[in-house]
C-alpha atoms as a PDB file:
ATOM      1  CA  MET A   1      21.630 -17.943 -83.226  1.00  0.00           C
ATOM      2  CA  ARG A   2      18.610 -20.151 -83.178  1.00  0.00           C
ATOM      3  CA  PHE A   3      15.740 -19.734 -80.757  1.00  0.00           C
ATOM      4  CA  GLY A   4      16.748 -21.306 -77.347  1.00  0.00           C
ATOM      5  CA  SER A   5      20.424 -21.548 -78.114  1.00  0.00           C
ATOM      6  CA  PRO A   6      22.614 -20.453 -75.204  1.00  0.00           C
ATOM      7  CA  PRO A   7      25.101 -17.664 -75.740  1.00  0.00           C
ATOM      8  CA  LYS A   8      28.765 -18.467 -76.089  1.00  0.00           C
ATOM      9  CA  ASP A   9      29.407 -18.359 -72.292  1.00  0.00           C
ATOM     10  CA  GLY A  10      26.176 -20.134 -71.524  1.00  0.00           C
ATOM     11  CA  VAL A  11      27.664 -23.442 -70.235  1.00  0.00           C
ATOM     12  CA  ALA A  12      29.573 -21.879 -67.360  1.00  0.00           C
ATOM     13  CA  ALA A  13      26.665 -19.692 -66.532  1.00  0.00           C
ATOM     14  CA  ALA A  14      24.390 -22.698 -66.498  1.00  0.00           C
ATOM     15  CA  LYS A  15      26.645 -24.484 -64.019  1.00  0.00           C
ATOM     16  CA  ARG A  16      26.713 -21.493 -61.705  1.00  0.00           C
ATOM     17  CA  HIS A  17      22.935 -21.283 -61.957  1.00  0.00           C
ATOM     18  CA  ASP A  18      22.527 -24.957 -60.975  1.00  0.00           C
ATOM     19  CA  ILE A  19      24.739 -24.477 -57.911  1.00  0.00           C
ATOM     20  CA  LEU A  20      22.777 -21.412 -56.750  1.00  0.00           C
ATOM     21  CA  VAL A  21      19.487 -23.167 -57.269  1.00  0.00           C
ATOM     22  CA  GLY A  22      20.668 -26.142 -55.223  1.00  0.00           C
ATOM     23  CA  LEU A  23      21.787 -23.931 -52.366  1.00  0.00           C
ATOM     24  CA  GLY A  24      18.473 -22.079 -52.402  1.00  0.00           C
ATOM     25  CA  GLN A  25      16.458 -25.267 -52.297  1.00  0.00           C
ATOM     26  CA  GLY A  26      18.524 -26.615 -49.405  1.00  0.00           C
ATOM     27  CA  THR A  27      17.992 -23.434 -47.426  1.00  0.00           C
ATOM     28  CA  ALA A  28      14.253 -23.582 -47.995  1.00  0.00           C
ATOM     29  CA  VAL A  29      14.065 -27.216 -46.826  1.00  0.00           C
ATOM     30  CA  ALA A  30      16.011 -26.379 -43.666  1.00  0.00           C
ATOM     31  CA  ALA A  31      13.737 -23.466 -42.890  1.00  0.00           C
ATOM     32  CA  VAL A  32      10.655 -25.640 -43.204  1.00  0.00           C
ATOM     33  CA  ALA A  33      12.156 -28.279 -40.924  1.00  0.00           C
ATOM     34  CA  LEU A  34      13.033 -25.713 -38.237  1.00  0.00           C
ATOM     35  CA  ALA A  35       9.519 -24.317 -38.395  1.00  0.00           C
ATOM     36  CA  LEU A  36       8.001 -27.753 -37.845  1.00  0.00           C
ATOM     37  CA  LEU A  37      10.298 -28.480 -34.875  1.00  0.00           C
ATOM     38  CA  TYR A  38       9.435 -25.125 -33.306  1.00  0.00           C
ATOM     39  CA  ALA A  39       5.750 -25.714 -33.765  1.00  0.00           C
ATOM     40  CA  PHE A  40       5.991 -29.143 -32.151  1.00  0.00           C
ATOM     41  CA  PHE A  41       8.365 -28.451 -29.231  1.00  0.00           C
ATOM     42  CA  GLY A  42       8.306 -24.698 -28.834  1.00  0.00           C
ATOM     43  CA  THR A  43       4.667 -24.397 -27.923  1.00  0.00           C
ATOM     44  CA  GLY A  44       4.766 -26.941 -25.153  1.00  0.00           C
ATOM     45  CA  ASN A  45       5.548 -24.332 -22.497  1.00  0.00           C
ATOM     46  CA  ARG A  46       3.259 -21.681 -23.943  1.00  0.00           C
ATOM     47  CA  ARG A  47      -0.300 -20.901 -22.993  1.00  0.00           C
ATOM     48  CA  HIS A  48      -2.898 -20.760 -25.638  1.00  0.00           C
ATOM     49  CA  ALA A  49      -2.333 -17.736 -27.757  1.00  0.00           C
ATOM     50  CA  ALA A  50      -4.598 -14.884 -26.959  1.00  0.00           C
ATOM     51  CA  PRO A  51      -7.245 -14.427 -29.615  1.00  0.00           C
ATOM     52  CA  VAL A  52      -6.757 -11.594 -31.983  1.00  0.00           C
ATOM     53  CA  PRO A  53      -8.866  -8.765 -30.664  1.00  0.00           C
ATOM     54  CA  VAL A  54     -11.806  -8.080 -32.905  1.00  0.00           C
ATOM     55  CA  PRO A  55     -12.460  -4.404 -33.361  1.00  0.00           C
ATOM     56  CA  PRO A  56     -15.746  -3.507 -31.708  1.00  0.00           C
ATOM     57  CA  THR A  57     -18.598  -3.076 -34.081  1.00  0.00           C
ATOM     58  CA  ALA A  58     -19.985   0.383 -34.405  1.00  0.00           C
ATOM     59  CA  ALA A  59     -22.873   0.895 -32.034  1.00  0.00           C
ATOM     60  CA  VAL A  60     -26.153   1.124 -33.869  1.00  0.00           C
ATOM     61  CA  VAL A  61     -27.901   4.234 -32.671  1.00  0.00           C
ATOM     62  CA  ALA A  62     -31.645   3.878 -32.942  1.00  0.00           C
ATOM     63  CA  ALA A  63     -33.231   6.770 -34.747  1.00  0.00           C
ATOM     64  CA  ALA A  64     -35.195   8.951 -32.409  1.00  0.00           C
ATOM     65  CA  PRO A  65     -38.919   8.681 -33.096  1.00  0.00           C
ATOM     66  CA  ALA A  66     -40.443  11.651 -34.818  1.00  0.00           C
ATOM     67  CA  ALA A  67     -41.936  14.062 -32.364  1.00  0.00           C
ATOM     68  CA  ALA A  68     -45.674  13.605 -32.162  1.00  0.00           C
ATOM     69  CA  LEU A  69     -47.674  16.460 -33.546  1.00  0.00           C
ATOM     70  CA  GLU A  70     -49.067  18.494 -30.680  1.00  0.00           C
ATOM     71  CA  ARG A  71     -52.762  18.768 -31.410  1.00  0.00           C
ATOM     72  CA  ARG A  72     -55.047  21.265 -29.763  1.00  0.00           C
ATOM     73  CA  LEU A  73     -58.307  22.394 -31.228  1.00  0.00           C
ATOM     74  CA  ASP A  74     -58.553  26.161 -31.302  1.00  0.00           C
ATOM     75  CA  PHE A  75     -61.458  28.074 -32.803  1.00  0.00           C
ATOM     76  CA  GLY A  76     -60.194  31.366 -31.453  1.00  0.00           C
ATOM     77  CA  ASP A  77     -63.118  33.799 -31.224  1.00  0.00           C
ATOM     78  CA  VAL A  78     -65.219  32.007 -33.836  1.00  0.00           C
ATOM     79  CA  LYS A  79     -68.526  30.608 -32.663  1.00  0.00           C
ATOM     80  CA  ALA A  80     -69.059  27.392 -34.609  1.00  0.00           C
ATOM     81  CA  PRO A  81     -72.180  25.199 -34.722  1.00  0.00           C
ATOM     82  CA  ALA A  82     -72.288  21.965 -32.760  1.00  0.00           C
ATOM     83  CA  ASP A  83     -71.851  19.615 -35.719  1.00  0.00           C
ATOM     84  CA  VAL A  84     -68.782  21.525 -36.880  1.00  0.00           C
ATOM     85  CA  THR A  85     -67.177  21.402 -33.448  1.00  0.00           C
ATOM     86  CA  HIS A  86     -68.019  17.703 -33.149  1.00  0.00           C
ATOM     87  CA  VAL A  87     -66.192  16.841 -36.361  1.00  0.00           C
ATOM     88  CA  ALA A  88     -63.292  19.180 -35.644  1.00  0.00           C
ATOM     89  CA  ALA A  89     -62.832  17.796 -32.115  1.00  0.00           C
ATOM     90  CA  TRP A  90     -62.928  14.218 -33.371  1.00  0.00           C
ATOM     91  CA  ALA A  91     -60.488  14.890 -36.225  1.00  0.00           C
ATOM     92  CA  VAL A  92     -57.966  16.536 -33.907  1.00  0.00           C
ATOM     93  CA  ARG A  93     -58.337  14.133 -31.005  1.00  0.00           C
ATOM     94  CA  GLU A  94     -58.140  10.978 -33.139  1.00  0.00           C
ATOM     95  CA  ALA A  95     -55.568  12.472 -35.550  1.00  0.00           C
ATOM     96  CA  ASP A  96     -57.879  11.554 -38.405  1.00  0.00           C
ATOM     97  CA  ASN A  97     -56.236  14.247 -40.510  1.00  0.00           C
ATOM     98  CA  ASP A  98     -52.809  12.704 -39.797  1.00  0.00           C
ATOM     99  CA  SER A  99     -50.355  15.587 -40.210  1.00  0.00           C
ATOM    100  CA  ARG A 100     -52.321  17.342 -42.924  1.00  0.00           C
ATOM    101  CA  PRO A 101     -54.336  20.556 -42.845  1.00  0.00           C
ATOM    102  CA  PHE A 102     -58.059  20.108 -43.155  1.00  0.00           C
ATOM    103  CA  ALA A 103     -61.275  21.921 -43.931  1.00  0.00           C
ATOM    104  CA  ILE A 104     -64.847  21.457 -42.803  1.00  0.00           C
ATOM    105  CA  VAL A 105     -67.660  22.444 -45.155  1.00  0.00           C
ATOM    106  CA  ASP A 106     -70.937  23.138 -43.396  1.00  0.00           C
ATOM    107  CA  LYS A 107     -73.519  22.784 -46.152  1.00  0.00           C
ATOM    108  CA  ARG A 108     -76.496  23.742 -44.020  1.00  0.00           C
ATOM    109  CA  ARG A 109     -74.986  27.144 -43.350  1.00  0.00           C
ATOM    110  CA  ALA A 110     -72.895  27.388 -46.544  1.00  0.00           C
ATOM    111  CA  GLN A 111     -69.684  27.981 -44.603  1.00  0.00           C
ATOM    112  CA  VAL A 112     -66.153  26.581 -44.779  1.00  0.00           C
ATOM    113  CA  TYR A 113     -63.644  26.348 -41.916  1.00  0.00           C
ATOM    114  CA  VAL A 114     -59.956  25.861 -42.715  1.00  0.00           C
ATOM    115  CA  PHE A 115     -57.640  24.434 -40.055  1.00  0.00           C
ATOM    116  CA  ALA A 116     -53.891  23.959 -39.731  1.00  0.00           C
ATOM    117  CA  ALA A 117     -52.708  20.400 -39.165  1.00  0.00           C
ATOM    118  CA  ARG A 118     -52.442  20.905 -35.387  1.00  0.00           C
ATOM    119  CA  GLY A 119     -56.071  22.003 -35.086  1.00  0.00           C
ATOM    120  CA  ARG A 120     -55.900  25.780 -35.114  1.00  0.00           C
ATOM    121  CA  LEU A 121     -58.602  27.498 -37.121  1.00  0.00           C
ATOM    122  CA  ILE A 122     -56.972  29.598 -39.837  1.00  0.00           C
ATOM    123  CA  GLY A 123     -60.104  31.168 -41.233  1.00  0.00           C
ATOM    124  CA  THR A 124     -63.734  30.759 -42.163  1.00  0.00           C
ATOM    125  CA  SER A 125     -65.800  32.063 -45.057  1.00  0.00           C
ATOM    126  CA  PRO A 126     -69.178  31.707 -46.758  1.00  0.00           C
ATOM    127  CA  VAL A 127     -69.206  29.506 -49.842  1.00  0.00           C
ATOM    128  CA  LEU A 128     -71.461  28.644 -52.745  1.00  0.00           C
ATOM    129  CA  LEU A 129     -72.573  25.020 -53.111  1.00  0.00           C
ATOM    130  CA  GLY A 130     -74.398  22.729 -55.486  1.00  0.00           C
ATOM    131  CA  TYR A 131     -77.792  23.912 -56.623  1.00  0.00           C
ATOM    132  CA  ALA A 132     -79.607  20.768 -55.464  1.00  0.00           C
ATOM    133  CA  ALA A 133     -79.805  19.739 -51.827  1.00  0.00           C
ATOM    134  CA  GLY A 134     -78.571  16.228 -51.206  1.00  0.00           C
ATOM    135  CA  ASP A 135     -75.655  14.303 -49.758  1.00  0.00           C
ATOM    136  CA  GLN A 136     -74.968  11.695 -52.433  1.00  0.00           C
ATOM    137  CA  THR A 137     -73.187  11.890 -55.753  1.00  0.00           C
ATOM    138  CA  VAL A 138     -75.107  10.985 -58.879  1.00  0.00           C
ATOM    139  CA  ALA A 139     -73.430   7.971 -60.466  1.00  0.00           C
ATOM    140  CA  GLY A 140     -71.277   8.872 -63.463  1.00  0.00           C
ATOM    141  CA  ILE A 141     -71.734  12.604 -63.088  1.00  0.00           C
ATOM    142  CA  GLY A 142     -67.998  13.199 -63.370  1.00  0.00           C
ATOM    143  CA  ASN A 143     -68.095  12.056 -66.985  1.00  0.00           C
ATOM    144  CA  LYS A 144     -70.999  14.263 -67.987  1.00  0.00           C
ATOM    145  CA  ALA A 145     -70.701  17.565 -69.777  1.00  0.00           C
ATOM    146  CA  ILE A 146     -71.975  20.492 -67.714  1.00  0.00           C
ATOM    147  CA  ALA A 147     -74.769  21.064 -70.195  1.00  0.00           C
ATOM    148  CA  ASP A 148     -75.986  17.507 -69.621  1.00  0.00           C
ATOM    149  CA  ILE A 149     -76.198  17.771 -65.820  1.00  0.00           C
ATOM    150  CA  LYS A 150     -79.792  18.146 -64.708  1.00  0.00           C
ATOM    151  CA  PRO A 151     -80.708  20.596 -61.917  1.00  0.00           C
ATOM    152  CA  HIS A 152     -81.508  17.853 -59.386  1.00  0.00           C
ATOM    153  CA  GLU A 153     -78.113  16.235 -60.037  1.00  0.00           C
ATOM    154  CA  ARG A 154     -76.127  19.312 -59.021  1.00  0.00           C
ATOM    155  CA  THR A 155     -75.322  18.202 -55.479  1.00  0.00           C
ATOM    156  CA  THR A 156     -72.267  18.703 -53.287  1.00  0.00           C
ATOM    157  CA  PRO A 157     -71.649  15.246 -51.790  1.00  0.00           C
ATOM    158  CA  ALA A 158     -71.091  14.788 -48.065  1.00  0.00           C
ATOM    159  CA  GLY A 159     -68.315  12.727 -46.515  1.00  0.00           C
ATOM    160  CA  ARG A 160     -64.608  12.587 -45.761  1.00  0.00           C
ATOM    161  CA  PHE A 161     -62.426  13.329 -48.766  1.00  0.00           C
ATOM    162  CA  GLU A 162     -58.666  13.293 -49.246  1.00  0.00           C
ATOM    163  CA  SER A 163     -58.055  16.453 -51.206  1.00  0.00           C
ATOM    164  CA  ALA A 164     -55.279  17.283 -53.628  1.00  0.00           C
ATOM    165  CA  PRO A 165     -54.321  20.467 -55.465  1.00  0.00           C
ATOM    166  CA  GLY A 166     -54.617  20.554 -59.218  1.00  0.00           C
ATOM    167  CA  ARG A 167     -56.052  22.341 -62.199  1.00  0.00           C
ATOM    168  CA  ASN A 168     -59.394  22.052 -63.872  1.00  0.00           C
ATOM    169  CA  SER A 169     -60.117  21.856 -67.584  1.00  0.00           C
ATOM    170  CA  LEU A 170     -59.754  25.643 -67.844  1.00  0.00           C
ATOM    171  CA  GLY A 171     -56.290  25.593 -66.286  1.00  0.00           C
ATOM    172  CA  HIS A 172     -57.405  27.247 -63.053  1.00  0.00           C
ATOM    173  CA  ASP A 173     -56.054  26.305 -59.622  1.00  0.00           C
ATOM    174  CA  VAL A 174     -58.439  24.057 -57.712  1.00  0.00           C
ATOM    175  CA  VAL A 175     -58.406  21.825 -54.677  1.00  0.00           C
ATOM    176  CA  TRP A 176     -59.900  18.536 -55.781  1.00  0.00           C
ATOM    177  CA  VAL A 177     -62.349  17.238 -53.193  1.00  0.00           C
ATOM    178  CA  ASP A 178     -63.805  14.331 -55.172  1.00  0.00           C
ATOM    179  CA  TYR A 179     -61.915  14.027 -58.432  1.00  0.00           C
ATOM    180  CA  ASP A 180     -64.065  11.202 -59.836  1.00  0.00           C
ATOM    181  CA  ALA A 181     -67.196  13.273 -59.335  1.00  0.00           C
ATOM    182  CA  ALA A 182     -65.455  16.443 -60.617  1.00  0.00           C
ATOM    183  CA  VAL A 183     -66.111  18.247 -57.325  1.00  0.00           C
ATOM    184  CA  SER A 184     -63.505  20.808 -56.315  1.00  0.00           C
ATOM    185  CA  MET A 185     -63.016  23.877 -54.170  1.00  0.00           C
ATOM    186  CA  HIS A 186     -62.046  26.906 -56.234  1.00  0.00           C
ATOM    187  CA  ARG A 187     -62.272  30.664 -56.598  1.00  0.00           C
ATOM    188  CA  VAL A 188     -65.732  31.946 -57.365  1.00  0.00           C
ATOM    189  CA  ARG A 189     -66.126  32.809 -61.035  1.00  0.00           C
ATOM    190  CA  ALA A 190     -68.779  35.374 -61.867  1.00  0.00           C
ATOM    191  CA  THR A 191     -68.913  34.589 -65.571  1.00  0.00           C
ATOM    192  CA  ASN A 192     -72.689  34.625 -65.763  1.00  0.00           C
ATOM    193  CA  PRO A 193     -74.128  37.880 -64.345  1.00  0.00           C
ATOM    194  CA  LYS A 194     -77.573  36.305 -64.066  1.00  0.00           C
ATOM    195  CA  GLU A 195     -76.306  33.900 -61.410  1.00  0.00           C
ATOM    196  CA  ARG A 196     -75.217  36.791 -59.148  1.00  0.00           C
ATOM    197  CA  ARG A 197     -72.590  34.644 -57.450  1.00  0.00           C
ATOM    198  CA  LEU A 198     -70.721  37.522 -55.836  1.00  0.00           C
ATOM    199  CA  GLU A 199     -73.946  38.981 -54.465  1.00  0.00           C
ATOM    200  CA  ARG A 200     -74.978  35.578 -53.094  1.00  0.00           C
ATOM    201  CA  LEU A 201     -71.701  35.302 -51.189  1.00  0.00           C
ATOM    202  CA  ALA A 202     -72.179  38.748 -49.707  1.00  0.00           C
ATOM    203  CA  THR A 203     -75.671  38.189 -48.282  1.00  0.00           C
ATOM    204  CA  PRO A 204     -75.919  37.234 -44.579  1.00  0.00           C
ATOM    205  CA  THR A 205     -78.170  34.255 -45.269  1.00  0.00           C
ATOM    206  CA  ALA A 206     -77.270  30.842 -46.681  1.00  0.00           C
ATOM    207  CA  ALA A 207     -80.598  30.456 -48.431  1.00  0.00           C
ATOM    208  CA  ASP A 208     -79.276  31.873 -51.716  1.00  0.00           C
ATOM    209  CA  ASN A 209     -75.880  30.133 -51.717  1.00  0.00           C
ATOM    210  CA  ARG A 210     -77.020  27.168 -53.813  1.00  0.00           C
ATOM    211  CA  ILE A 211     -76.036  27.853 -57.404  1.00  0.00           C
ATOM    212  CA  SER A 212     -73.058  25.757 -58.519  1.00  0.00           C
ATOM    213  CA  TRP A 213     -72.905  22.444 -60.393  1.00  0.00           C
ATOM    214  CA  GLY A 214     -71.597  20.828 -57.198  1.00  0.00           C
ATOM    215  CA  CYS A 215     -68.263  22.565 -56.672  1.00  0.00           C
ATOM    216  CA  ILE A 216     -67.478  24.640 -53.598  1.00  0.00           C
ATOM    217  CA  ASN A 217     -67.056  28.268 -54.684  1.00  0.00           C
ATOM    218  CA  VAL A 218     -64.881  30.379 -52.376  1.00  0.00           C
ATOM    219  CA  PRO A 219     -64.335  34.161 -52.414  1.00  0.00           C
ATOM    220  CA  VAL A 220     -61.185  34.968 -54.381  1.00  0.00           C
ATOM    221  CA  ALA A 221     -59.361  36.648 -51.495  1.00  0.00           C
ATOM    222  CA  PHE A 222     -60.140  33.808 -49.081  1.00  0.00           C
ATOM    223  CA  PHE A 223     -59.014  31.212 -51.597  1.00  0.00           C
ATOM    224  CA  ASP A 224     -55.730  33.015 -52.273  1.00  0.00           C
ATOM    225  CA  GLU A 225     -54.943  33.867 -48.650  1.00  0.00           C
ATOM    226  CA  THR A 226     -56.285  30.858 -46.765  1.00  0.00           C
ATOM    227  CA  VAL A 227     -57.409  27.895 -48.845  1.00  0.00           C
ATOM    228  CA  TRP A 228     -54.541  27.693 -51.304  1.00  0.00           C
ATOM    229  CA  PRO A 229     -51.702  28.300 -48.801  1.00  0.00           C
ATOM    230  CA  GLN A 230     -53.131  25.663 -46.446  1.00  0.00           C
ATOM    231  CA  ILE A 231     -54.696  22.841 -48.448  1.00  0.00           C
ATOM    232  CA  GLY A 232     -53.491  23.843 -51.883  1.00  0.00           C
ATOM    233  CA  GLN A 233     -49.849  22.949 -51.313  1.00  0.00           C
ATOM    234  CA  GLY A 234     -50.293  19.203 -50.894  1.00  0.00           C
ATOM    235  CA  ARG A 235     -52.642  16.528 -49.675  1.00  0.00           C
ATOM    236  CA  GLY A 236     -55.311  17.571 -47.212  1.00  0.00           C
ATOM    237  CA  ILE A 237     -58.611  16.393 -45.753  1.00  0.00           C
ATOM    238  CA  VAL A 238     -61.991  17.951 -46.493  1.00  0.00           C
ATOM    239  CA  TYR A 239     -64.954  17.012 -44.334  1.00  0.00           C
ATOM    240  CA  VAL A 240     -68.255  17.892 -45.990  1.00  0.00           C
ATOM    241  CA  LEU A 241     -71.092  17.734 -43.485  1.00  0.00           C
ATOM    242  CA  PRO A 242     -74.465  16.344 -44.607  1.00  0.00           C
ATOM    243  CA  GLU A 243     -77.527  18.495 -44.935  1.00  0.00           C
ATOM    244  CA  ARG A 244     -80.335  15.964 -45.325  1.00  0.00           C
ATOM    245  CA  GLU A 245     -78.978  12.897 -43.588  1.00  0.00           C
ATOM    246  CA  PRO A 246     -77.879  12.858 -39.942  1.00  0.00           C
ATOM    247  CA  LEU A 247     -74.263  13.461 -39.024  1.00  0.00           C
ATOM    248  CA  THR A 248     -73.969   9.854 -37.833  1.00  0.00           C
ATOM    249  CA  ALA A 249     -74.574   8.646 -41.384  1.00  0.00           C
ATOM    250  CA  PHE A 250     -71.166   9.974 -42.444  1.00  0.00           C
ATOM    251  CA  PHE A 251     -69.287  10.630 -39.209  1.00  0.00           C
ATOM    252  CA  PRO A 252     -70.518   8.159 -36.582  1.00  0.00           C
ATOM    253  CA  ALA A 253     -67.433   8.469 -34.366  1.00  0.00           C
ATOM    254  CA  ALA A 254     -67.508  12.255 -34.538  1.00  0.00           C
ATOM    255  CA  ALA A 255     -71.188  12.458 -33.679  1.00  0.00           C
ATOM    256  CA  ALA A 256     -70.626  10.282 -30.619  1.00  0.00           C
ATOM    257  CA  ALA A 257     -67.563  12.245 -29.498  1.00  0.00           C
ATOM    258  CA  PRO A 258     -67.433  13.612 -25.958  1.00  0.00           C
ATOM    259  CA  GLN A 259     -68.610  17.159 -25.574  1.00  0.00           C
ATOM    260  CA  VAL A 260     -65.366  18.275 -23.943  1.00  0.00           C
ATOM    261  CA  LEU A 261     -63.130  19.770 -26.625  1.00  0.00           C
ATOM    262  CA  ALA A 262     -59.359  19.886 -26.490  1.00  0.00           C
ATOM    263  CA  GLN A 263     -59.239  23.636 -26.793  1.00  0.00           C
ATOM    264  CA  ALA A 264     -55.972  25.535 -26.805  1.00  0.00           C
ATOM    265  CA  SER A 265     -55.394  27.700 -23.768  1.00  0.00           C
ATOM    266  CA  THR A 266     -54.909  31.110 -25.309  1.00  0.00           C
ATOM    267  CA  GLY A 267     -55.405  34.566 -23.969  1.00  0.00           C
ATOM    268  CA  LYS A 268     -58.702  34.750 -25.818  1.00  0.00           C
ATOM    269  CA  SER A 269     -61.499  32.548 -24.674  1.00  0.00           C
ATOM    270  CA  ASN A 270     -63.056  30.165 -27.161  1.00  0.00           C
ATOM    271  CA  ASN A 271     -66.786  30.672 -27.235  1.00  0.00           C
ATOM    272  CA  ALA A 272     -67.564  27.833 -29.642  1.00  0.00           C
ATOM    273  CA  LYS A 273     -70.510  25.837 -28.402  1.00  0.00           C
ATOM    274  CA  PRO A 274     -69.950  22.093 -28.002  1.00  0.00           C
END
């Protein structure tokens, strides 16, 4: 049997097929005609068909705005100098620190104050600072080897700095204050007995707290318990107050801030002077 050849009963089957096809085509034509007649005459007495209801779109619920951080400056029982309270009050009132913890370094008194993001003082401690008095950074000092830094270049710069945790060249934990100038806040390291760094921190006066190459040296316990848990876990703000120039040179808005501080109302009175 060649390809396409009908089987031996193929003629009769073909005739039956033609008849069925003809009947099917006739039925289809009749159905189309009836549909057209119905569309033309059957709708004359009907109202316009109701539109297909569109399912309501899901209501878009606006995201609730993030709750504003409740800020209230609270020094607790600590008596802070006027310039420190000025900067702290301004930072809290104007939300200059955003939602980040912050620290204030008082170079004149060699003291650091660490605050939570809302404005509560967490702790304060004496610190060691750069050997040379001054509020500016020597250009290019961050690229110099320590041995090449001259005594008069060993300053701790003043200003507002966005801090970040990290490690120094020795692999030690530090809070970078000014990375480009290689200025950080870190644990005091008494590697040179002649410098007497631990003894300097323990004296009641700030006159002997100038010994570092510019970094802010903090007692080990205070760094581990206060500095690192607060501003060592992410971005923070460090305000370094000037010692030679006026406060307005670096913090004009803070220096002009109202004397009334937004103190927290706690059981203990805050005796910080404005």
